[in-house]
Amino acid sequence: MDQRANPVRRQRCAIYTRKSSEEGLEQEFNSLHAQREACEAYIASQRSEGWVLVRDQYDDGGI
């Protein structure tokens, strides 16, 4: 099949991480980091579908 016939459309993906409280944010590796890593891995797994990670970070570390 000719790949040019159905080009993959690029899909920009942003990651928004959230933690409901500030507890634990001082740790070297916290849940915001874990969420980001999981999302980055999933986006990377979808690269063949045109998914591209937006490098801007959107983190909500609690109120």
PDB file of N, CA and C in Angstrom:
ATOM      1  N   MET A   1       0.847  -1.184   0.000  1.00  0.00           N
ATOM      2  CA  MET A   1       0.000   0.000   0.000  1.00  0.00           C
ATOM      3  C   MET A   1       0.890   1.245   0.000  1.00  0.00           C
ATOM      4  N   ASP A   2       0.530   2.214  -0.774  1.00  0.00           N
ATOM      5  CA  ASP A   2       1.283   3.458  -0.890  1.00  0.00           C
ATOM      6  C   ASP A   2       1.011   4.355   0.324  1.00  0.00           C
ATOM      7  N   GLN A   3       2.053   4.637   1.131  1.00  0.00           N
ATOM      8  CA  GLN A   3       1.900   5.461   2.336  1.00  0.00           C
ATOM      9  C   GLN A   3       1.470   6.892   2.006  1.00  0.00           C
ATOM     10  N   ARG A   4       1.799   7.373   0.838  1.00  0.00           N
ATOM     11  CA  ARG A   4       1.428   8.743   0.468  1.00  0.00           C
ATOM     12  C   ARG A   4      -0.072   8.893   0.256  1.00  0.00           C
ATOM     13  N   ALA A   5      -0.755   7.798   0.023  1.00  0.00           N
ATOM     14  CA  ALA A   5      -2.196   7.854  -0.214  1.00  0.00           C
ATOM     15  C   ALA A   5      -2.951   8.271   1.050  1.00  0.00           C
ATOM     16  N   ASN A   6      -2.485   7.853   2.210  1.00  0.00           N
ATOM     17  CA  ASN A   6      -3.121   8.180   3.485  1.00  0.00           C
ATOM     18  C   ASN A   6      -2.085   8.759   4.448  1.00  0.00           C
ATOM     19  N   PRO A   7      -1.700  10.003   4.243  1.00  0.00           N
ATOM     20  CA  PRO A   7      -0.690  10.570   5.143  1.00  0.00           C
ATOM     21  C   PRO A   7      -1.229  10.667   6.572  1.00  0.00           C
ATOM     22  N   VAL A   8      -0.347  10.434   7.529  1.00  0.00           N
ATOM     23  CA  VAL A   8      -0.723  10.531   8.940  1.00  0.00           C
ATOM     24  C   VAL A   8      -0.795  12.002   9.306  1.00  0.00           C
ATOM     25  N   ARG A   9      -1.907  12.375   9.883  1.00  0.00           N
ATOM     26  CA  ARG A   9      -2.084  13.767  10.293  1.00  0.00           C
ATOM     27  C   ARG A   9      -1.428  13.972  11.652  1.00  0.00           C
ATOM     28  N   ARG A  10      -0.624  14.997  11.765  1.00  0.00           N
ATOM     29  CA  ARG A  10       0.064  15.292  13.014  1.00  0.00           C
ATOM     30  C   ARG A  10      -0.930  15.781  14.059  1.00  0.00           C
ATOM     31  N   GLN A  11      -0.852  15.218  15.255  1.00  0.00           N
ATOM     32  CA  GLN A  11      -1.733  15.585  16.365  1.00  0.00           C
ATOM     33  C   GLN A  11      -0.863  16.045  17.523  1.00  0.00           C
ATOM     34  N   ARG A  12      -0.900  17.334  17.812  1.00  0.00           N
ATOM     35  CA  ARG A  12      -0.131  17.879  18.928  1.00  0.00           C
ATOM     36  C   ARG A  12      -0.827  17.524  20.235  1.00  0.00           C
ATOM     37  N   CYS A  13      -0.061  17.020  21.199  1.00  0.00           N
ATOM     38  CA  CYS A  13      -0.613  16.561  22.473  1.00  0.00           C
ATOM     39  C   CYS A  13       0.041  17.302  23.631  1.00  0.00           C
ATOM     40  N   ALA A  14      -0.784  17.876  24.481  1.00  0.00           N
ATOM     41  CA  ALA A  14      -0.300  18.532  25.697  1.00  0.00           C
ATOM     42  C   ALA A  14      -0.608  17.630  26.882  1.00  0.00           C
ATOM     43  N   ILE A  15       0.222  17.726  27.904  1.00  0.00           N
ATOM     44  CA  ILE A  15       0.015  16.955  29.128  1.00  0.00           C
ATOM     45  C   ILE A  15      -0.306  17.927  30.252  1.00  0.00           C
ATOM     46  N   TYR A  16      -1.393  17.655  30.943  1.00  0.00           N
ATOM     47  CA  TYR A  16      -1.782  18.427  32.124  1.00  0.00           C
ATOM     48  C   TYR A  16      -1.727  17.476  33.305  1.00  0.00           C
ATOM     49  N   THR A  17      -0.858  17.778  34.275  1.00  0.00           N
ATOM     50  CA  THR A  17      -0.766  16.943  35.469  1.00  0.00           C
ATOM     51  C   THR A  17      -1.375  17.688  36.642  1.00  0.00           C
ATOM     52  N   ARG A  18      -1.964  16.922  37.561  1.00  0.00           N
ATOM     53  CA  ARG A  18      -2.659  17.552  38.682  1.00  0.00           C
ATOM     54  C   ARG A  18      -2.508  16.722  39.936  1.00  0.00           C
ATOM     55  N   LYS A  19      -2.352  17.433  41.029  1.00  0.00           N
ATOM     56  CA  LYS A  19      -2.332  16.832  42.359  1.00  0.00           C
ATOM     57  C   LYS A  19      -3.243  17.684  43.219  1.00  0.00           C
ATOM     58  N   SER A  20      -4.092  17.052  44.014  1.00  0.00           N
ATOM     59  CA  SER A  20      -5.114  17.798  44.750  1.00  0.00           C
ATOM     60  C   SER A  20      -4.582  18.539  45.967  1.00  0.00           C
ATOM     61  N   SER A  21      -3.377  18.216  46.396  1.00  0.00           N
ATOM     62  CA  SER A  21      -2.797  18.931  47.538  1.00  0.00           C
ATOM     63  C   SER A  21      -1.302  19.114  47.303  1.00  0.00           C
ATOM     64  N   GLU A  22      -0.695  19.966  48.098  1.00  0.00           N
ATOM     65  CA  GLU A  22       0.741  20.203  47.973  1.00  0.00           C
ATOM     66  C   GLU A  22       1.561  19.131  48.686  1.00  0.00           C
ATOM     67  N   GLU A  23       0.908  18.267  49.430  1.00  0.00           N
ATOM     68  CA  GLU A  23       1.599  17.227  50.186  1.00  0.00           C
ATOM     69  C   GLU A  23       2.420  16.336  49.257  1.00  0.00           C
ATOM     70  N   GLY A  24       3.688  16.191  49.564  1.00  0.00           N
ATOM     71  CA  GLY A  24       4.570  15.325  48.793  1.00  0.00           C
ATOM     72  C   GLY A  24       5.244  15.983  47.609  1.00  0.00           C
ATOM     73  N   LEU A  25       4.895  17.226  47.299  1.00  0.00           N
ATOM     74  CA  LEU A  25       5.499  17.887  46.137  1.00  0.00           C
ATOM     75  C   LEU A  25       6.986  18.150  46.326  1.00  0.00           C
ATOM     76  N   GLU A  26       7.431  18.199  47.581  1.00  0.00           N
ATOM     77  CA  GLU A  26       8.839  18.480  47.850  1.00  0.00           C
ATOM     78  C   GLU A  26       9.730  17.269  47.550  1.00  0.00           C
ATOM     79  N   GLN A  27       9.134  16.114  47.340  1.00  0.00           N
ATOM     80  CA  GLN A  27       9.914  14.913  47.041  1.00  0.00           C
ATOM     81  C   GLN A  27      10.588  15.045  45.679  1.00  0.00           C
ATOM     82  N   GLU A  28      11.745  14.402  45.560  1.00  0.00           N
ATOM     83  CA  GLU A  28      12.486  14.466  44.302  1.00  0.00           C
ATOM     84  C   GLU A  28      11.662  13.913  43.132  1.00  0.00           C
ATOM     85  N   PHE A  29      10.900  12.859  43.395  1.00  0.00           N
ATOM     86  CA  PHE A  29      10.009  12.281  42.381  1.00  0.00           C
ATOM     87  C   PHE A  29       8.628  12.176  43.011  1.00  0.00           C
ATOM     88  N   ASN A  30       7.669  12.907  42.455  1.00  0.00           N
ATOM     89  CA  ASN A  30       6.323  12.913  43.039  1.00  0.00           C
ATOM     90  C   ASN A  30       5.293  12.482  41.992  1.00  0.00           C
ATOM     91  N   SER A  31       4.025  12.526  42.370  1.00  0.00           N
ATOM     92  CA  SER A  31       2.988  12.017  41.463  1.00  0.00           C
ATOM     93  C   SER A  31       2.868  12.840  40.182  1.00  0.00           C
ATOM     94  N   LEU A  32       3.219  14.127  40.232  1.00  0.00           N
ATOM     95  CA  LEU A  32       3.196  14.920  38.995  1.00  0.00           C
ATOM     96  C   LEU A  32       4.219  14.364  38.005  1.00  0.00           C
ATOM     97  N   HIS A  33       5.395  13.999  38.514  1.00  0.00           N
ATOM     98  CA  HIS A  33       6.422  13.410  37.653  1.00  0.00           C
ATOM     99  C   HIS A  33       5.952  12.066  37.091  1.00  0.00           C
ATOM    100  N   ALA A  34       5.328  11.260  37.947  1.00  0.00           N
ATOM    101  CA  ALA A  34       4.841   9.943  37.511  1.00  0.00           C
ATOM    102  C   ALA A  34       3.767  10.087  36.434  1.00  0.00           C
ATOM    103  N   GLN A  35       2.858  11.038  36.629  1.00  0.00           N
ATOM    104  CA  GLN A  35       1.807  11.274  35.632  1.00  0.00           C
ATOM    105  C   GLN A  35       2.422  11.694  34.302  1.00  0.00           C
ATOM    106  N   ARG A  36       3.400  12.610  34.367  1.00  0.00           N
ATOM    107  CA  ARG A  36       4.050  13.099  33.154  1.00  0.00           C
ATOM    108  C   ARG A  36       4.751  11.953  32.428  1.00  0.00           C
ATOM    109  N   GLU A  37       5.498  11.132  33.165  1.00  0.00           N
ATOM    110  CA  GLU A  37       6.205  10.013  32.539  1.00  0.00           C
ATOM    111  C   GLU A  37       5.238   9.053  31.848  1.00  0.00           C
ATOM    112  N   ALA A  38       4.138   8.742  32.508  1.00  0.00           N
ATOM    113  CA  ALA A  38       3.155   7.829  31.919  1.00  0.00           C
ATOM    114  C   ALA A  38       2.563   8.417  30.639  1.00  0.00           C
ATOM    115  N   CYS A  39       2.235   9.695  30.677  1.00  0.00           N
ATOM    116  CA  CYS A  39       1.648  10.346  29.496  1.00  0.00           C
ATOM    117  C   CYS A  39       2.655  10.439  28.360  1.00  0.00           C
ATOM    118  N   GLU A  40       3.908  10.782  28.682  1.00  0.00           N
ATOM    119  CA  GLU A  40       4.941  10.857  27.647  1.00  0.00           C
ATOM    120  C   GLU A  40       5.125   9.502  26.974  1.00  0.00           C
ATOM    121  N   ALA A  41       5.120   8.432  27.769  1.00  0.00           N
ATOM    122  CA  ALA A  41       5.280   7.087  27.210  1.00  0.00           C
ATOM    123  C   ALA A  41       4.104   6.740  26.294  1.00  0.00           C
ATOM    124  N   TYR A  42       2.898   7.103  26.700  1.00  0.00           N
ATOM    125  CA  TYR A  42       1.732   6.792  25.870  1.00  0.00           C
ATOM    126  C   TYR A  42       1.773   7.583  24.558  1.00  0.00           C
ATOM    127  N   ILE A  43       2.103   8.847  24.644  1.00  0.00           N
ATOM    128  CA  ILE A  43       2.200   9.664  23.425  1.00  0.00           C
ATOM    129  C   ILE A  43       3.263   9.088  22.497  1.00  0.00           C
ATOM    130  N   ALA A  44       4.401   8.684  23.065  1.00  0.00           N
ATOM    131  CA  ALA A  44       5.460   8.075  22.252  1.00  0.00           C
ATOM    132  C   ALA A  44       4.960   6.797  21.572  1.00  0.00           C
ATOM    133  N   SER A  45       4.116   6.033  22.258  1.00  0.00           N
ATOM    134  CA  SER A  45       3.589   4.794  21.673  1.00  0.00           C
ATOM    135  C   SER A  45       2.638   5.070  20.510  1.00  0.00           C
ATOM    136  N   GLN A  46       2.141   6.281  20.425  1.00  0.00           N
ATOM    137  CA  GLN A  46       1.201   6.661  19.370  1.00  0.00           C
ATOM    138  C   GLN A  46       1.866   7.477  18.256  1.00  0.00           C
ATOM    139  N   ARG A  47       3.186   7.533  18.281  1.00  0.00           N
ATOM    140  CA  ARG A  47       3.927   8.319  17.288  1.00  0.00           C
ATOM    141  C   ARG A  47       3.554   7.929  15.862  1.00  0.00           C
ATOM    142  N   SER A  48       3.336   6.643  15.622  1.00  0.00           N
ATOM    143  CA  SER A  48       2.983   6.193  14.268  1.00  0.00           C
ATOM    144  C   SER A  48       1.624   6.728  13.824  1.00  0.00           C
ATOM    145  N   GLU A  49       0.813   7.170  14.769  1.00  0.00           N
ATOM    146  CA  GLU A  49      -0.486   7.778  14.469  1.00  0.00           C
ATOM    147  C   GLU A  49      -0.380   9.295  14.320  1.00  0.00           C
ATOM    148  N   GLY A  50       0.845   9.819  14.424  1.00  0.00           N
ATOM    149  CA  GLY A  50       1.063  11.247  14.234  1.00  0.00           C
ATOM    150  C   GLY A  50       1.090  12.062  15.516  1.00  0.00           C
ATOM    151  N   TRP A  51       1.010  11.402  16.668  1.00  0.00           N
ATOM    152  CA  TRP A  51       0.995  12.129  17.937  1.00  0.00           C
ATOM    153  C   TRP A  51       2.371  12.721  18.215  1.00  0.00           C
ATOM    154  N   VAL A  52       2.383  14.005  18.592  1.00  0.00           N
ATOM    155  CA  VAL A  52       3.617  14.722  18.904  1.00  0.00           C
ATOM    156  C   VAL A  52       3.419  15.458  20.223  1.00  0.00           C
ATOM    157  N   LEU A  53       4.367  15.305  21.134  1.00  0.00           N
ATOM    158  CA  LEU A  53       4.273  15.945  22.444  1.00  0.00           C
ATOM    159  C   LEU A  53       4.598  17.428  22.355  1.00  0.00           C
ATOM    160  N   VAL A  54       3.741  18.255  22.932  1.00  0.00           N
ATOM    161  CA  VAL A  54       4.020  19.679  23.101  1.00  0.00           C
ATOM    162  C   VAL A  54       4.891  19.781  24.347  1.00  0.00           C
ATOM    163  N   ARG A  55       6.032  20.397  24.271  1.00  0.00           N
ATOM    164  CA  ARG A  55       6.986  20.406  25.378  1.00  0.00           C
ATOM    165  C   ARG A  55       6.613  21.360  26.510  1.00  0.00           C
ATOM    166  N   ASP A  56       5.684  22.276  26.293  1.00  0.00           N
ATOM    167  CA  ASP A  56       5.247  23.145  27.390  1.00  0.00           C
ATOM    168  C   ASP A  56       4.676  22.279  28.503  1.00  0.00           C
ATOM    169  N   GLN A  57       4.920  22.678  29.759  1.00  0.00           N
ATOM    170  CA  GLN A  57       4.416  21.903  30.890  1.00  0.00           C
ATOM    171  C   GLN A  57       3.245  22.612  31.539  1.00  0.00           C
ATOM    172  N   TYR A  58       2.213  21.842  31.838  1.00  0.00           N
ATOM    173  CA  TYR A  58       1.023  22.335  32.519  1.00  0.00           C
ATOM    174  C   TYR A  58       0.825  21.477  33.763  1.00  0.00           C
ATOM    175  N   ASP A  59       1.347  21.966  34.887  1.00  0.00           N
ATOM    176  CA  ASP A  59       1.301  21.219  36.141  1.00  0.00           C
ATOM    177  C   ASP A  59       0.506  21.997  37.172  1.00  0.00           C
ATOM    178  N   ASP A  60      -0.386  21.310  37.856  1.00  0.00           N
ATOM    179  CA  ASP A  60      -1.178  21.903  38.933  1.00  0.00           C
ATOM    180  C   ASP A  60      -0.825  21.150  40.208  1.00  0.00           C
ATOM    181  N   GLY A  61      -0.026  21.807  41.052  1.00  0.00           N
ATOM    182  CA  GLY A  61       0.474  21.160  42.253  1.00  0.00           C
ATOM    183  C   GLY A  61      -0.373  21.361  43.483  1.00  0.00           C
ATOM    184  N   GLY A  62      -1.624  21.580  43.344  1.00  0.00           N
ATOM    185  CA  GLY A  62      -2.511  21.730  44.499  1.00  0.00           C
ATOM    186  C   GLY A  62      -2.758  23.184  44.850  1.00  0.00           C
ATOM    187  N   ILE A  63      -3.667  23.362  45.765  1.00  0.00           N
ATOM    188  CA  ILE A  63      -4.077  24.714  46.161  1.00  0.00           C
ATOM    189  C   ILE A  63      -3.207  25.203  47.284  1.00  0.00           C
TER     190      ILE A  63
END
